[in-house]
C-alpha atoms as a PDB file:
ATOM      1  CA  MET A   1      10.281  28.437  -5.070  1.00  0.00           C
ATOM      2  CA  LEU A   2      12.868  31.056  -6.105  1.00  0.00           C
ATOM      3  CA  GLU A   3      10.201  33.760  -6.015  1.00  0.00           C
ATOM      4  CA  ILE A   4       9.088  32.622  -2.557  1.00  0.00           C
ATOM      5  CA  LYS A   5      12.684  32.648  -1.332  1.00  0.00           C
ATOM      6  CA  ILE A   6      13.225  36.192  -2.659  1.00  0.00           C
ATOM      7  CA  LYS A   7      10.028  37.371  -0.961  1.00  0.00           C
ATOM      8  CA  LYS A   8      11.172  35.763   2.286  1.00  0.00           C
ATOM      9  CA  ILE A   9      14.573  37.495   2.105  1.00  0.00           C
ATOM     10  CA  LEU A  10      12.928  40.856   1.420  1.00  0.00           C
ATOM     11  CA  LYS A  11      10.474  40.290   4.266  1.00  0.00           C
ATOM     12  CA  ASN A  12      13.340  39.633   6.686  1.00  0.00           C
ATOM     13  CA  MET A  13      15.310  42.657   5.432  1.00  0.00           C
ATOM     14  CA  ILE A  14      12.475  45.188   5.702  1.00  0.00           C
ATOM     15  CA  PRO A  15      12.882  45.830   9.482  1.00  0.00           C
ATOM     16  CA  GLU A  16      16.645  46.306   9.095  1.00  0.00           C
ATOM     17  CA  LEU A  17      16.195  48.634   6.112  1.00  0.00           C
ATOM     18  CA  LEU A  18      13.616  50.704   7.983  1.00  0.00           C
ATOM     19  CA  GLY A  19      15.909  50.889  11.000  1.00  0.00           C
ATOM     20  CA  LEU A  20      18.848  51.974   8.843  1.00  0.00           C
ATOM     21  CA  THR A  21      16.730  54.599   7.072  1.00  0.00           C
ATOM     22  CA  PHE A  22      15.484  55.937  10.409  1.00  0.00           C
ATOM     23  CA  MET A  23      19.055  56.140  11.713  1.00  0.00           C
ATOM     24  CA  VAL A  24      20.240  58.013   8.598  1.00  0.00           C
ATOM     25  CA  PHE A  25      17.516  60.640   9.029  1.00  0.00           C
ATOM     26  CA  LEU A  26      17.895  60.761  12.822  1.00  0.00           C
ATOM     27  CA  MET A  27      21.630  61.490  12.885  1.00  0.00           C
ATOM     28  CA  PRO A  28      21.408  64.884  11.088  1.00  0.00           C
ATOM     29  CA  PHE A  29      18.429  65.822  13.245  1.00  0.00           C
ATOM     30  CA  ALA A  30      20.336  64.874  16.397  1.00  0.00           C
ATOM     31  CA  PHE A  31      23.323  66.938  15.257  1.00  0.00           C
ATOM     32  CA  VAL A  32      21.131  69.982  14.584  1.00  0.00           C
ATOM     33  CA  LEU A  33      19.425  69.555  17.957  1.00  0.00           C
ATOM     34  CA  PHE A  34      22.812  69.318  19.675  1.00  0.00           C
ATOM     35  CA  VAL A  35      24.123  72.488  18.004  1.00  0.00           C
ATOM     36  CA  PHE A  36      20.860  74.291  18.791  1.00  0.00           C
ATOM     37  CA  SER A  37      21.167  73.269  22.449  1.00  0.00           C
ATOM     38  CA  LEU A  38      24.686  74.658  22.640  1.00  0.00           C
ATOM     39  CA  ARG A  39      23.571  77.932  21.108  1.00  0.00           C
ATOM     40  CA  PHE A  40      20.519  78.128  23.367  1.00  0.00           C
ATOM     41  CA  VAL A  41      22.598  77.661  26.514  1.00  0.00           C
ATOM     42  CA  GLU A  42      24.650  80.704  25.547  1.00  0.00           C
ATOM     43  CA  THR A  43      21.608  82.971  25.085  1.00  0.00           C
ATOM     44  CA  VAL A  44      20.443  85.655  27.537  1.00  0.00           C
ATOM     45  CA  SER A  45      17.033  83.981  27.843  1.00  0.00           C
ATOM     46  CA  PHE A  46      18.522  80.750  29.124  1.00  0.00           C
ATOM     47  CA  ASN A  47      20.672  82.620  31.649  1.00  0.00           C
ATOM     48  CA  SER A  48      17.588  84.486  32.875  1.00  0.00           C
ATOM     49  CA  PHE A  49      15.714  81.171  33.148  1.00  0.00           C
ATOM     50  CA  VAL A  50      18.500  79.659  35.271  1.00  0.00           C
ATOM     51  CA  LYS A  51      18.552  82.694  37.570  1.00  0.00           C
ATOM     52  CA  GLY A  52      14.771  82.510  37.883  1.00  0.00           C
ATOM     53  CA  VAL A  53      14.942  78.851  38.893  1.00  0.00           C
ATOM     54  CA  ALA A  54      17.622  79.624  41.468  1.00  0.00           C
ATOM     55  CA  ALA A  55      15.538  82.443  42.901  1.00  0.00           C
ATOM     56  CA  GLY A  56      12.383  80.306  42.995  1.00  0.00           C
ATOM     57  CA  ASP A  57      10.507  82.551  40.572  1.00  0.00           C
ATOM     58  CA  VAL A  58      10.074  79.850  37.876  1.00  0.00           C
ATOM     59  CA  ASN A  59       7.607  76.951  38.246  1.00  0.00           C
ATOM     60  CA  LEU A  60       9.324  73.686  37.129  1.00  0.00           C
ATOM     61  CA  ILE A  61       6.181  71.546  37.214  1.00  0.00           C
ATOM     62  CA  PRO A  62       5.466  71.846  33.452  1.00  0.00           C
ATOM     63  CA  LEU A  63       9.081  70.969  32.745  1.00  0.00           C
ATOM     64  CA  GLY A  64       8.810  67.941  35.038  1.00  0.00           C
ATOM     65  CA  VAL A  65       5.684  66.796  33.242  1.00  0.00           C
ATOM     66  CA  LEU A  66       7.433  67.143  29.904  1.00  0.00           C
ATOM     67  CA  VAL A  67      10.401  65.106  31.156  1.00  0.00           C
ATOM     68  CA  ALA A  68       8.045  62.419  32.513  1.00  0.00           C
ATOM     69  CA  VAL A  69       6.278  62.190  29.147  1.00  0.00           C
ATOM     70  CA  LEU A  70       9.586  61.914  27.319  1.00  0.00           C
ATOM     71  CA  ILE A  71      10.760  59.165  29.711  1.00  0.00           C
ATOM     72  CA  PHE A  72       7.476  57.322  29.194  1.00  0.00           C
ATOM     73  CA  PHE A  73       7.871  57.384  25.403  1.00  0.00           C
ATOM     74  CA  LEU A  74      11.505  56.342  25.685  1.00  0.00           C
ATOM     75  CA  LYS A  75      10.509  53.429  27.911  1.00  0.00           C
ATOM     76  CA  GLU A  76       7.801  52.346  25.439  1.00  0.00           C
ATOM     77  CA  ILE A  77      10.276  52.436  22.569  1.00  0.00           C
ATOM     78  CA  LEU A  78      12.744  50.299  24.515  1.00  0.00           C
ATOM     79  CA  GLU A  79       9.980  47.841  25.497  1.00  0.00           C
ATOM     80  CA  PHE A  80       8.834  47.636  21.878  1.00  0.00           C
ATOM     81  CA  ASN A  81      12.355  46.791  20.714  1.00  0.00           C
ATOM     82  CA  LYS A  82      12.688  44.244  23.520  1.00  0.00           C
ATOM     83  CA  ARG A  83       9.417  42.534  22.556  1.00  0.00           C
ATOM     84  CA  LYS A  84      10.477  42.601  18.909  1.00  0.00           C
ATOM     85  CA  LEU A  85      13.762  40.835  19.706  1.00  0.00           C
ATOM     86  CA  GLU A  86      11.963  38.311  21.921  1.00  0.00           C
ATOM     87  CA  ARG A  87       9.494  37.612  19.111  1.00  0.00           C
ATOM     88  CA  ARG A  88      12.360  37.006  16.670  1.00  0.00           C
ATOM     89  CA  ARG A  89      14.094  34.639  19.099  1.00  0.00           C
ATOM     90  CA  LYS A  90      10.846  32.747  19.704  1.00  0.00           C
ATOM     91  CA  ILE A  91      10.170  32.378  15.988  1.00  0.00           C
ATOM     92  CA  ARG A  92      13.762  31.255  15.350  1.00  0.00           C
ATOM     93  CA  ALA A  93      13.524  28.650  18.123  1.00  0.00           C
ATOM     94  CA  CYS A  94      10.182  27.368  16.818  1.00  0.00           C
ATOM     95  CA  LYS A  95      11.554  27.093  13.288  1.00  0.00           C
ATOM     96  CA  ASN A  96      14.587  25.115  14.491  1.00  0.00           C
ATOM     97  CA  LEU A  97      12.429  22.653  16.456  1.00  0.00           C
ATOM     98  CA  LEU A  98       9.939  22.249  13.612  1.00  0.00           C
ATOM     99  CA  SER A  99      12.709  21.750  11.056  1.00  0.00           C
ATOM    100  CA  ASN A 100      14.206  18.954  13.115  1.00  0.00           C
ATOM    101  CA  GLU A 101      10.820  17.270  13.543  1.00  0.00           C
ATOM    102  CA  LEU A 102      10.073  17.562   9.829  1.00  0.00           C
ATOM    103  CA  ARG A 103      13.338  15.797   8.980  1.00  0.00           C
ATOM    104  CA  LEU A 104      12.352  12.979  11.342  1.00  0.00           C
ATOM    105  CA  ASN A 105       8.968  12.708   9.660  1.00  0.00           C
ATOM    106  CA  LEU A 106      10.541  12.729   6.201  1.00  0.00           C
ATOM    107  CA  TRP A 107      12.251   9.479   7.173  1.00  0.00           C
ATOM    108  CA  VAL A 108       8.867   8.131   8.314  1.00  0.00           C
ATOM    109  CA  HIS A 109       7.245   9.303   5.071  1.00  0.00           C
ATOM    110  CA  ASN A 110       9.911   7.712   2.881  1.00  0.00           C
ATOM    111  CA  LYS A 111       9.747   4.462   4.844  1.00  0.00           C
ATOM    112  CA  PHE A 112       5.971   4.310   4.352  1.00  0.00           C
ATOM    113  CA  VAL A 113       6.448   4.821   0.617  1.00  0.00           C
ATOM    114  CA  ASP A 114       9.015   1.982   0.529  1.00  0.00           C
ATOM    115  CA  ILE A 115       6.838  -0.433   2.524  1.00  0.00           C
ATOM    116  CA  ILE A 116       3.664   0.270   0.567  1.00  0.00           C
ATOM    117  CA  SER A 117       5.449   0.161  -2.795  1.00  0.00           C
ATOM    118  CA  ASN A 118       7.062  -3.184  -1.919  1.00  0.00           C
ATOM    119  CA  ILE A 119       3.735  -4.677  -0.852  1.00  0.00           C
ATOM    120  CA  LYS A 120       2.065  -3.366  -4.000  1.00  0.00           C
ATOM    121  CA  ASN A 121       4.738  -4.468  -6.478  1.00  0.00           C
ATOM    122  CA  GLU A 122       5.792  -7.810  -4.998  1.00  0.00           C
ATOM    123  CA  LYS A 123       2.475  -9.521  -5.674  1.00  0.00           C
ATOM    124  CA  HIS A 124       3.946 -13.014  -5.406  1.00  0.00           C
ATOM    125  CA  LEU A 125       4.773 -12.389  -1.743  1.00  0.00           C
ATOM    126  CA  GLU A 126       2.507 -12.530   1.265  1.00  0.00           C
ATOM    127  CA  ALA A 127       2.386  -9.410   3.442  1.00  0.00           C
ATOM    128  CA  LYS A 128       2.139  -9.871   7.185  1.00  0.00           C
ATOM    129  CA  PHE A 129       2.330  -7.754  10.305  1.00  0.00           C
ATOM    130  CA  LEU A 130       4.494  -8.559  13.310  1.00  0.00           C
ATOM    131  CA  TYR A 131       4.629  -6.888  16.720  1.00  0.00           C
ATOM    132  CA  LEU A 132       8.010  -7.675  18.209  1.00  0.00           C
ATOM    133  CA  LYS A 133       8.696  -8.025  21.910  1.00  0.00           C
ATOM    134  CA  ARG A 134      10.892  -4.926  21.919  1.00  0.00           C
ATOM    135  CA  GLY A 135       7.806  -2.870  21.112  1.00  0.00           C
ATOM    136  CA  ILE A 136       8.523  -2.117  17.463  1.00  0.00           C
ATOM    137  CA  ASP A 137       5.814  -2.624  14.862  1.00  0.00           C
ATOM    138  CA  ASP A 138       7.228  -4.602  11.940  1.00  0.00           C
ATOM    139  CA  CYS A 139       5.957  -5.266   8.453  1.00  0.00           C
ATOM    140  CA  ILE A 140       7.278  -8.407   6.792  1.00  0.00           C
ATOM    141  CA  LEU A 141       6.881  -9.904   3.324  1.00  0.00           C
ATOM    142  CA  THR A 142       7.297 -13.658   3.067  1.00  0.00           C
ATOM    143  CA  GLU A 143       7.193 -16.222   0.350  1.00  0.00           C
ATOM    144  CA  VAL A 144       4.228 -18.580   0.343  1.00  0.00           C
ATOM    145  CA  GLU A 145       6.289 -21.386   1.856  1.00  0.00           C
ATOM    146  CA  GLY A 146       7.283 -19.112   4.702  1.00  0.00           C
ATOM    147  CA  LYS A 147      10.807 -17.929   3.888  1.00  0.00           C
ATOM    148  CA  SER A 148      11.337 -14.329   4.965  1.00  0.00           C
ATOM    149  CA  THR A 149      12.415 -12.055   2.100  1.00  0.00           C
ATOM    150  CA  PHE A 150      11.763  -8.525   3.323  1.00  0.00           C
ATOM    151  CA  GLY A 151      11.103  -6.926   6.658  1.00  0.00           C
ATOM    152  CA  CYS A 152      11.329  -3.464   8.188  1.00  0.00           C
ATOM    153  CA  PRO A 153       9.897  -1.509  11.123  1.00  0.00           C
ATOM    154  CA  ILE A 154       6.795   0.620  10.674  1.00  0.00           C
ATOM    155  CA  PRO A 155       8.073   3.880  12.230  1.00  0.00           C
ATOM    156  CA  MET A 156       6.176   6.172  14.562  1.00  0.00           C
ATOM    157  CA  VAL A 157       5.020   9.631  13.462  1.00  0.00           C
ATOM    158  CA  HIS A 158       6.561  12.588  15.330  1.00  0.00           C
ATOM    159  CA  ASP A 159       4.191  15.491  16.084  1.00  0.00           C
ATOM    160  CA  LYS A 160       5.229  16.637  19.583  1.00  0.00           C
ATOM    161  CA  PHE A 161       6.566  20.051  18.599  1.00  0.00           C
ATOM    162  CA  HIS A 162       3.855  20.702  16.017  1.00  0.00           C
ATOM    163  CA  GLU A 163       1.248  20.137  18.695  1.00  0.00           C
ATOM    164  CA  LYS A 164       3.129  21.965  21.438  1.00  0.00           C
ATOM    165  CA  LEU A 165       4.199  25.076  19.517  1.00  0.00           C
ATOM    166  CA  ILE A 166       1.235  25.764  17.251  1.00  0.00           C
ATOM    167  CA  VAL A 167      -0.570  28.017  19.762  1.00  0.00           C
ATOM    168  CA  ASN A 168       2.582  30.058  20.438  1.00  0.00           C
ATOM    169  CA  ILE A 169       3.225  30.387  16.707  1.00  0.00           C
ATOM    170  CA  ALA A 170      -0.339  31.630  16.172  1.00  0.00           C
ATOM    171  CA  GLU A 171       0.387  34.506  18.574  1.00  0.00           C
ATOM    172  CA  VAL A 172       3.545  35.745  16.833  1.00  0.00           C
ATOM    173  CA  ASP A 173       3.380  34.886  13.115  1.00  0.00           C
ATOM    174  CA  GLY A 174       0.177  34.324  11.157  1.00  0.00           C
ATOM    175  CA  HIS A 175       1.894  33.093   7.990  1.00  0.00           C
ATOM    176  CA  LEU A 176       4.037  30.555   9.851  1.00  0.00           C
ATOM    177  CA  PHE A 177       0.960  29.444  11.785  1.00  0.00           C
ATOM    178  CA  GLY A 178      -0.897  28.651   8.547  1.00  0.00           C
ATOM    179  CA  LEU A 179       1.980  26.526   7.273  1.00  0.00           C
ATOM    180  CA  THR A 180       2.359  24.783  10.644  1.00  0.00           C
ATOM    181  CA  GLN A 181      -1.363  24.016  10.747  1.00  0.00           C
ATOM    182  CA  ALA A 182      -1.215  22.501   7.250  1.00  0.00           C
ATOM    183  CA  SER A 183       1.871  20.460   8.163  1.00  0.00           C
ATOM    184  CA  TYR A 184       0.226  19.253  11.377  1.00  0.00           C
ATOM    185  CA  ASP A 185      -2.824  18.149   9.388  1.00  0.00           C
ATOM    186  CA  GLY A 186      -0.415  16.265   7.132  1.00  0.00           C
ATOM    187  CA  LEU A 187       1.110  14.486  10.121  1.00  0.00           C
ATOM    188  CA  VAL A 188      -2.365  13.513  11.324  1.00  0.00           C
ATOM    189  CA  LEU A 189      -2.934  11.996   7.889  1.00  0.00           C
ATOM    190  CA  LEU A 190       0.463  10.272   8.095  1.00  0.00           C
ATOM    191  CA  GLU A 191      -0.596   8.644  11.380  1.00  0.00           C
ATOM    192  CA  HIS A 192      -3.903   7.639   9.772  1.00  0.00           C
ATOM    193  CA  ILE A 193      -1.968   5.931   6.959  1.00  0.00           C
ATOM    194  CA  ARG A 194       0.190   4.135   9.521  1.00  0.00           C
ATOM    195  CA  LYS A 195      -2.857   2.850  11.373  1.00  0.00           C
ATOM    196  CA  GLY A 196      -4.545   1.840   8.105  1.00  0.00           C
ATOM    197  CA  LEU A 197      -1.436  -0.039   7.011  1.00  0.00           C
ATOM    198  CA  ILE A 198      -1.300  -2.021  10.256  1.00  0.00           C
ATOM    199  CA  ASP A 199      -5.046  -2.717  10.178  1.00  0.00           C
ATOM    200  CA  GLY A 200      -4.777  -3.954   6.594  1.00  0.00           C
ATOM    201  CA  LEU A 201      -1.856  -6.249   7.386  1.00  0.00           C
ATOM    202  CA  CYS A 202      -3.722  -7.623  10.419  1.00  0.00           C
ATOM    203  CA  ALA A 203      -7.000  -8.248   8.588  1.00  0.00           C
ATOM    204  CA  GLU A 204      -6.434 -11.963   8.096  1.00  0.00           C
ATOM    205  CA  LYS A 205      -5.052 -12.469  11.586  1.00  0.00           C
ATOM    206  CA  ASN A 206      -8.051 -10.675  13.105  1.00  0.00           C
ATOM    207  CA  ASN A 207     -10.440 -12.508  10.764  1.00  0.00           C
ATOM    208  CA  GLU A 208     -12.021  -9.249   9.565  1.00  0.00           C
ATOM    209  CA  GLN A 209     -15.375  -9.845   7.886  1.00  0.00           C
ATOM    210  CA  PHE A 210     -15.720  -6.547   6.035  1.00  0.00           C
ATOM    211  CA  TYR A 211     -12.073  -5.959   5.087  1.00  0.00           C
ATOM    212  CA  PRO A 212     -10.076  -7.920   2.458  1.00  0.00           C
ATOM    213  CA  HIS A 213      -7.583 -10.259   4.076  1.00  0.00           C
ATOM    214  CA  ASP A 214      -5.009  -9.299   1.433  1.00  0.00           C
ATOM    215  CA  ILE A 215      -4.289  -5.573   1.755  1.00  0.00           C
ATOM    216  CA  ARG A 216      -3.640  -5.404  -2.004  1.00  0.00           C
ATOM    217  CA  ASP A 217      -7.354  -5.999  -2.651  1.00  0.00           C
ATOM    218  CA  SER A 218      -8.560  -3.165  -0.416  1.00  0.00           C
ATOM    219  CA  GLY A 219      -7.543  -0.154  -2.540  1.00  0.00           C
ATOM    220  CA  PHE A 220      -5.663   1.195   0.471  1.00  0.00           C
ATOM    221  CA  LEU A 221      -2.214   1.065  -1.119  1.00  0.00           C
ATOM    222  CA  ASP A 222      -3.065   3.388  -4.024  1.00  0.00           C
ATOM    223  CA  TYR A 223      -4.930   5.712  -1.659  1.00  0.00           C
ATOM    224  CA  ALA A 224      -1.978   5.829   0.734  1.00  0.00           C
ATOM    225  CA  LEU A 225       0.586   6.610  -1.982  1.00  0.00           C
ATOM    226  CA  ASP A 226      -1.570   9.478  -3.294  1.00  0.00           C
ATOM    227  CA  GLU A 227      -2.039  10.916   0.182  1.00  0.00           C
ATOM    228  CA  LEU A 228       1.655  10.584   0.988  1.00  0.00           C
ATOM    229  CA  ASP A 229       2.386  12.979  -1.884  1.00  0.00           C
ATOM    230  CA  GLU A 230       0.093  15.558  -0.262  1.00  0.00           C
ATOM    231  CA  VAL A 231       1.686  14.965   3.134  1.00  0.00           C
ATOM    232  CA  TYR A 232       5.133  15.702   1.712  1.00  0.00           C
ATOM    233  CA  LYS A 233       3.928  18.918   0.062  1.00  0.00           C
ATOM    234  CA  SER A 234       2.602  20.287   3.353  1.00  0.00           C
ATOM    235  CA  MET A 235       5.781  19.318   5.219  1.00  0.00           C
ATOM    236  CA  ASN A 236       8.014  20.731   2.491  1.00  0.00           C
ATOM    237  CA  SER A 237       6.207  24.100   2.492  1.00  0.00           C
ATOM    238  CA  LEU A 238       6.751  24.496   6.241  1.00  0.00           C
ATOM    239  CA  TYR A 239      10.362  23.302   6.050  1.00  0.00           C
ATOM    240  CA  PHE A 240      11.131  25.792   3.281  1.00  0.00           C
ATOM    241  CA  GLU A 241       9.748  28.597   5.455  1.00  0.00           C
ATOM    242  CA  CYS A 242      11.798  27.416   8.451  1.00  0.00           C
ATOM    243  CA  ALA A 243      15.082  26.417   6.801  1.00  0.00           C
ATOM    244  CA  GLY A 244      15.012  28.268   3.482  1.00  0.00           C
ATOM    245  CA  LYS A 245      15.485  25.100   1.418  1.00  0.00           C
ATOM    246  CA  GLU A 246      13.648  22.023   0.201  1.00  0.00           C
ATOM    247  CA  LEU A 247      12.982  19.123   2.568  1.00  0.00           C
ATOM    248  CA  THR A 248      15.296  16.486   1.098  1.00  0.00           C
ATOM    249  CA  GLU A 249      17.435  15.304   4.036  1.00  0.00           C
ATOM    250  CA  SER A 250      15.734  12.908   6.414  1.00  0.00           C
ATOM    251  CA  LYS A 251      16.776  12.144   9.964  1.00  0.00           C
ATOM    252  CA  LEU A 252      16.438   8.857  11.808  1.00  0.00           C
ATOM    253  CA  ARG A 253      16.693  10.245  15.342  1.00  0.00           C
END
């Protein structure tokens, strides 16, 4: 990760270094051009040129064309710098939004790990699924005689900004787009795990014929824990690119 961070710092510094180098070489050239202009104005040829213009003997069309070309190039340079700054602001905004969403999904990821690990390890408890009136999906572990011992909400996956920004990111930064695509695929898998968890907990209630009524017998729990590791890796790679550090701090809302 240290090597990646160094490469990222160098990548961000390259435009500034090139700009500084260009400025260092441009200043002496500008000074020489300024001194040359002063000397040229004092020459006999320049005085003759001015008199010719005043008398109407000199055609200024070529000079006008030259000025127009110079203005065109100056305008293009200014537009290029403007687009470059806009691109940087857009990338910075996208990174901030994605970072925030990744922290929200880290909380979801960690909660899934806790729920699945509890179901897997507490084999003497019965796992059930509840849908509360307030619209929150809940997982609950109970003792055989019915006493509640563990319960927690099954959180929703957040993918709004991944889905909304991915096209814009593809237009401005290919590397960031690749990481965002991988992270988005991870969130799709995270939602798949959520749905599979609920389906497994509801198997007995729904009287499923081809699915074990105890989710521990389905093989889903081991599968989900393995896939959750891959989900975190994809999210962490994108977060490191956006925030410059590991994804370790979750966010509830």
